[in-house]
């Protein structure tokens, strides 16, 4: 395959695809939640009360992934979708990033909980090992699935027009606003949080995820693992201090990677990667 052909295949998905992606992501998620907001009794009588573990809530959460899969499949067919999913096989990244994901993120929650004053006062929320495994499994198959859409598709498209730091901020705004209806429903986890703190956290998390995504050459796996760590049920409740610490972490990461975060050169801009980047998970 010639380089020109490879490049054309990598850019089968144009920047304009961001519009239908956002329409699917917002339309499906907001549509489901809007029905429960404006027709609560009717929806509850037919589908049951909406909670964070309700199938319709999962469908709303999966909206960005569904949008990404539809757009990638339409543009690249089965081969393109396979190569897109190959980003899940990309795992190589610097040891510093792994230290942040495995040690740094838990420390953010531990320190935030200590500042809040509940680190040693709140009991462990799981009564059995089985309930702990079930909670971990639910966390793994819920929020991290969003990354197929946000980082897998939206971020590469935004980075064609913007430097990574600005692409991350724009995506953070979109991501934060996308969550807003969940704060209006009593059965969701978000209804117990402050939207302002959550929105600031989305901006910080998006910046960190952008740096991680580019440094790992477009790994959806590491983006999803980062997302999972942020909602890991083992970690203590640290709201809103975990958000403040994430903002500090994002600022440090931007400064540390300032040579890459403020220029488009080197940023991952492909949605469907070249075959060589799927089979050889290298990083600069």
Protein backbone atom coordinates (compact mmCIF):
# COMPACT_ATOMS: atom_id res chain seq x y z
CA UNK A 1 0.00 0.00 0.00
CA UNK A 2 1.46 3.33 -0.99
CA UNK A 3 1.83 6.14 1.60
CA UNK A 4 -0.71 8.25 -0.27
CA UNK A 5 -3.29 5.46 -0.19
CA UNK A 6 -2.58 4.84 3.49
CA UNK A 7 -2.96 8.53 4.29
CA UNK A 8 -6.24 8.72 2.38
CA UNK A 9 -7.60 5.75 4.32
CA UNK A 10 -6.49 7.27 7.63
CA UNK A 11 -8.47 10.42 6.84
CA UNK A 12 -11.59 8.75 5.49
CA UNK A 13 -13.41 10.41 8.37
CA UNK A 14 -13.52 14.14 7.76
CA UNK A 15 -13.70 16.91 10.34
CA UNK A 16 -17.34 17.40 9.31
CA UNK A 17 -18.08 13.99 10.87
CA UNK A 18 -17.88 15.72 14.24
CA UNK A 19 -21.36 17.14 13.64
CA UNK A 20 -23.23 13.83 13.19
CA UNK A 21 -21.18 12.35 16.04
CA UNK A 22 -22.34 15.08 18.41
CA UNK A 23 -25.91 14.79 17.14
CA UNK A 24 -25.94 11.07 17.95
CA UNK A 25 -24.16 11.50 21.28
CA UNK A 26 -26.39 14.31 22.51
CA UNK A 27 -29.57 13.17 20.77
CA UNK A 28 -29.54 9.66 22.20
CA UNK A 29 -28.35 10.53 25.71
CA UNK A 30 -30.33 13.74 26.15
CA UNK A 31 -33.39 12.18 24.54
CA UNK A 32 -33.54 9.36 27.07
CA UNK A 33 -32.90 11.64 30.04
CA UNK A 34 -35.32 14.29 28.77
CA UNK A 35 -38.12 11.73 28.70
CA UNK A 36 -37.48 10.95 32.36
CA UNK A 37 -37.23 14.65 33.23
CA UNK A 38 -40.43 15.76 31.49
CA UNK A 39 -42.45 12.51 31.66
CA UNK A 40 -41.21 10.95 34.89
CA UNK A 41 -44.36 9.04 35.85
CA UNK A 42 -45.02 7.68 32.39
CA UNK A 43 -41.44 6.54 31.84
CA UNK A 44 -41.22 5.00 35.31
CA UNK A 45 -44.47 3.09 34.82
CA UNK A 46 -43.30 1.62 31.50
CA UNK A 47 -39.54 1.21 31.96
CA UNK A 48 -39.07 1.50 35.70
CA UNK A 49 -37.33 4.13 37.79
CA UNK A 50 -34.13 5.40 36.22
CA UNK A 51 -30.97 4.65 38.18
CA UNK A 52 -27.28 4.54 37.35
CA UNK A 53 -27.60 0.82 36.61
CA UNK A 54 -30.77 1.00 34.49
CA UNK A 55 -30.36 -0.36 30.91
CA UNK A 56 -31.59 2.94 29.47
CA UNK A 57 -28.97 4.81 31.49
CA UNK A 58 -26.33 2.49 30.07
CA UNK A 59 -27.69 3.21 26.59
CA UNK A 60 -27.35 6.95 27.25
CA UNK A 61 -23.80 6.50 28.51
CA UNK A 62 -22.91 4.42 25.45
CA UNK A 63 -24.18 7.12 23.07
CA UNK A 64 -20.68 8.52 22.21
CA UNK A 65 -19.37 5.01 21.51
CA UNK A 66 -22.43 4.20 19.39
CA UNK A 67 -21.92 7.41 17.42
CA UNK A 68 -18.25 6.61 16.86
CA UNK A 69 -18.94 3.03 15.74
CA UNK A 70 -21.64 4.16 13.29
CA UNK A 71 -19.46 6.86 11.74
CA UNK A 72 -16.35 4.67 11.53
CA UNK A 73 -18.33 1.77 10.05
CA UNK A 74 -19.98 3.99 7.46
CA UNK A 75 -16.68 5.54 6.39
CA UNK A 76 -14.30 2.60 6.66
CA UNK A 77 -16.47 -0.50 6.61
CA UNK A 78 -15.54 -3.61 8.57
CA UNK A 79 -11.82 -3.10 7.90
CA UNK A 80 -11.90 0.48 9.14
CA UNK A 81 -13.84 -0.52 12.26
CA UNK A 82 -11.34 -3.29 12.96
CA UNK A 83 -8.44 -0.86 12.70
CA UNK A 84 -10.26 1.66 14.85
CA UNK A 85 -10.84 -1.00 17.51
CA UNK A 86 -7.15 -1.84 17.19
CA UNK A 87 -6.50 1.25 19.29
CA UNK A 88 -7.62 -0.88 22.23
CA UNK A 89 -4.44 -2.92 21.69
CA UNK A 90 -2.17 0.12 22.04
CA UNK A 91 -0.73 -0.04 25.52
CA UNK A 92 2.82 1.28 25.30
CA UNK A 93 3.48 4.54 27.06
CA UNK A 94 6.13 5.99 29.34
CA UNK A 95 6.53 4.64 32.87
CA UNK A 96 5.70 8.10 34.21
CA UNK A 97 2.21 7.86 32.75
CA UNK A 98 1.68 4.41 34.20
CA UNK A 99 2.82 5.70 37.57
CA UNK A 100 0.27 8.51 37.31
CA UNK A 101 -2.55 6.13 36.33
CA UNK A 102 -1.80 3.43 38.90
CA UNK A 103 -0.44 5.49 41.81
CA UNK A 104 -1.17 9.16 41.10
CA UNK A 105 -4.92 8.91 40.51
CA UNK A 106 -5.61 6.91 43.70
CA UNK A 107 -3.49 9.40 45.64
CA UNK A 108 -5.67 12.23 44.34
CA UNK A 109 -8.72 10.59 45.88
CA UNK A 110 -6.94 9.61 49.11
CA UNK A 111 -5.53 13.11 49.63
CA UNK A 112 -8.84 14.72 48.66
CA UNK A 113 -10.70 12.49 51.11
CA UNK A 114 -8.19 13.31 53.84
CA UNK A 115 -8.73 17.04 53.23
CA UNK A 116 -12.48 16.49 53.35
CA UNK A 117 -12.08 14.65 56.64
CA UNK A 118 -13.75 11.35 55.78
CA UNK A 119 -10.74 9.18 54.89
CA UNK A 120 -10.83 7.18 58.13
CA UNK A 121 -14.42 7.81 59.16
CA UNK A 122 -16.44 6.27 56.33
CA UNK A 123 -16.64 2.46 56.31
CA UNK A 124 -15.63 0.38 53.30
CA UNK A 125 -18.81 0.35 51.17
CA UNK A 126 -18.70 -3.34 50.18
CA UNK A 127 -19.84 -6.13 52.47
CA UNK A 128 -18.42 -8.98 50.41
CA UNK A 129 -15.77 -9.73 47.82
CA UNK A 130 -18.49 -10.59 45.31
CA UNK A 131 -20.17 -7.20 45.71
CA UNK A 132 -16.79 -5.52 45.22
CA UNK A 133 -16.17 -7.46 41.99
CA UNK A 134 -19.66 -6.59 40.75
CA UNK A 135 -19.07 -2.89 41.40
CA UNK A 136 -15.70 -2.99 39.63
CA UNK A 137 -17.25 -4.78 36.65
CA UNK A 138 -20.06 -2.21 36.38
CA UNK A 139 -17.56 0.64 36.57
CA UNK A 140 -15.44 -0.97 33.85
CA UNK A 141 -18.29 -1.40 31.36
CA UNK A 142 -20.00 1.95 31.94
CA UNK A 143 -18.08 5.25 31.79
CA UNK A 144 -14.90 3.95 30.08
CA UNK A 145 -17.01 3.02 27.03
CA UNK A 146 -17.44 6.74 26.35
CA UNK A 147 -13.78 6.91 25.33
CA UNK A 148 -14.46 5.22 21.99
CA UNK A 149 -16.31 8.41 21.11
CA UNK A 150 -14.65 11.25 23.02
CA UNK A 151 -10.99 10.34 22.64
CA UNK A 152 -11.32 7.75 19.88
CA UNK A 153 -13.14 9.98 17.41
CA UNK A 154 -13.80 13.53 18.64
CA UNK A 155 -10.32 14.36 19.91
CA UNK A 156 -8.42 13.39 16.72
CA UNK A 157 -10.86 15.45 14.67
CA UNK A 158 -10.50 18.51 16.92
CA UNK A 159 -6.71 18.20 16.85
CA UNK A 160 -6.75 18.67 13.08
CA UNK A 161 -7.87 22.25 13.71
CA UNK A 162 -6.53 23.04 17.18
CA UNK A 163 -3.41 22.50 19.25
CA UNK A 164 -3.88 19.68 21.79
CA UNK A 165 -4.40 21.94 24.81
CA UNK A 166 -7.21 23.83 23.07
CA UNK A 167 -8.70 20.67 21.57
CA UNK A 168 -8.74 19.16 25.05
CA UNK A 169 -10.46 22.21 26.52
CA UNK A 170 -13.10 22.32 23.77
CA UNK A 171 -13.78 18.61 24.20
CA UNK A 172 -13.92 19.10 27.97
CA UNK A 173 -16.64 21.74 27.55
CA UNK A 174 -18.60 19.44 25.23
CA UNK A 175 -18.13 16.51 27.58
CA UNK A 176 -19.21 18.48 30.63
CA UNK A 177 -22.34 19.89 28.96
CA UNK A 178 -23.23 16.40 27.69
CA UNK A 179 -23.51 15.22 31.31
CA UNK A 180 -25.77 18.08 32.43
CA UNK A 181 -29.20 16.34 32.24
CA UNK A 182 -27.98 13.62 34.62
CA UNK A 183 -27.68 16.27 37.33
CA UNK A 184 -31.42 16.94 37.05
CA UNK A 185 -32.49 13.36 37.82
CA UNK A 186 -32.67 12.14 41.40
CA UNK A 187 -31.84 8.53 40.58
CA UNK A 188 -28.41 9.23 39.12
CA UNK A 189 -25.06 9.50 40.87
CA UNK A 190 -24.51 12.96 39.39
CA UNK A 191 -27.57 14.35 41.18
CA UNK A 192 -25.57 14.29 44.43
CA UNK A 193 -22.69 16.33 42.99
CA UNK A 194 -22.08 20.00 42.28
CA UNK A 195 -22.24 20.62 38.53
CA UNK A 196 -19.78 23.52 38.71
CA UNK A 197 -17.12 21.34 40.36
CA UNK A 198 -17.91 18.48 37.98
CA UNK A 199 -17.61 20.77 34.95
CA UNK A 200 -14.23 22.05 36.11
CA UNK A 201 -13.20 18.44 36.60
CA UNK A 202 -14.26 17.60 33.03
CA UNK A 203 -11.97 20.34 31.70
CA UNK A 204 -9.04 19.11 33.78
CA UNK A 205 -9.63 15.44 32.97
CA UNK A 206 -9.97 16.22 29.26
CA UNK A 207 -6.62 18.03 29.28
CA UNK A 208 -4.91 15.11 31.01
CA UNK A 209 -6.60 12.57 28.73
CA UNK A 210 -5.47 14.56 25.68
CA UNK A 211 -1.83 14.45 26.75
CA UNK A 212 -2.13 10.73 27.54
CA UNK A 213 -3.86 9.97 24.23
CA UNK A 214 -1.17 11.71 22.19
CA UNK A 215 1.71 10.29 24.20
CA UNK A 216 0.38 6.75 23.73
CA UNK A 217 -0.12 7.39 19.99
CA UNK A 218 -3.89 7.20 20.20
CA UNK A 219 -4.53 4.46 22.74
CA UNK A 220 -8.20 4.07 23.60
CA UNK A 221 -7.20 1.44 26.14
CA UNK A 222 -5.24 3.88 28.32
CA UNK A 223 -7.89 6.58 27.94
CA UNK A 224 -10.52 4.08 29.10
CA UNK A 225 -8.33 2.94 32.00
CA UNK A 226 -7.88 6.55 33.09
CA UNK A 227 -11.66 6.99 32.94
CA UNK A 228 -12.14 3.82 34.99
CA UNK A 229 -9.69 4.97 37.64
CA UNK A 230 -11.63 8.21 38.03
CA UNK A 231 -14.79 6.26 38.89
CA UNK A 232 -13.14 3.34 40.66
CA UNK A 233 -15.57 2.34 43.46
CA UNK A 234 -12.70 1.37 45.76
CA UNK A 235 -11.49 4.95 46.09
CA UNK A 236 -12.95 7.12 48.86
CA UNK A 237 -15.39 9.96 48.24
CA UNK A 238 -13.29 13.10 47.86
CA UNK A 239 -15.73 15.55 46.29
CA UNK A 240 -14.98 18.37 45.58
CA UNK A 241 -11.33 18.23 46.61
CA UNK A 242 -10.47 15.55 44.06
CA UNK A 243 -11.56 18.07 41.41
CA UNK A 244 -9.24 20.74 42.78
CA UNK A 245 -6.35 18.27 42.77
CA UNK A 246 -7.16 17.17 39.21
CA UNK A 247 -7.01 20.80 38.10
CA UNK A 248 -3.55 21.09 39.68
CA UNK A 249 -2.48 17.81 38.04
CA UNK A 250 -3.71 19.06 34.65
CA UNK A 251 -1.76 22.30 35.02
CA UNK A 252 1.41 20.36 35.90
CA UNK A 253 0.94 18.00 32.96
CA UNK A 254 0.39 20.89 30.55
CA UNK A 255 3.56 22.57 31.80
CA UNK A 256 5.55 19.34 31.66
CA UNK A 257 4.38 18.64 28.10
CA UNK A 258 4.26 22.30 26.98
CA UNK A 259 6.36 21.64 23.86
CA UNK A 260 3.71 19.23 22.56
CA UNK A 261 0.50 20.62 24.03
CA UNK A 262 0.68 23.98 22.24
CA UNK A 263 1.47 22.78 18.72
CA UNK A 264 -0.43 20.53 16.33
CA UNK A 265 2.65 18.73 15.04
CA UNK A 266 2.82 15.25 16.54
CA UNK A 267 -0.75 15.20 17.78
CA UNK A 268 -2.85 12.17 16.84
CA UNK A 269 -5.28 13.27 14.13
CA UNK A 270 -6.32 9.91 12.66
CA UNK A 271 -9.56 8.22 13.61
CA UNK A 272 -8.87 5.08 11.60
CA UNK A 273 -5.13 4.50 12.16
CA UNK A 274 -2.70 3.15 9.61
CA UNK A 275 -2.29 -0.60 9.79
CA UNK A 276 1.31 -0.27 10.99
CA UNK A 277 0.18 1.74 14.02
CA UNK A 278 -2.30 -0.96 15.00
CA UNK A 279 0.15 -3.84 14.77
CA UNK A 280 3.12 -2.00 16.28
CA UNK A 281 2.13 -0.15 19.42
CA UNK A 282 5.13 2.16 19.47
CA UNK A 283 5.38 5.61 20.98
CA UNK A 284 7.84 8.48 20.45
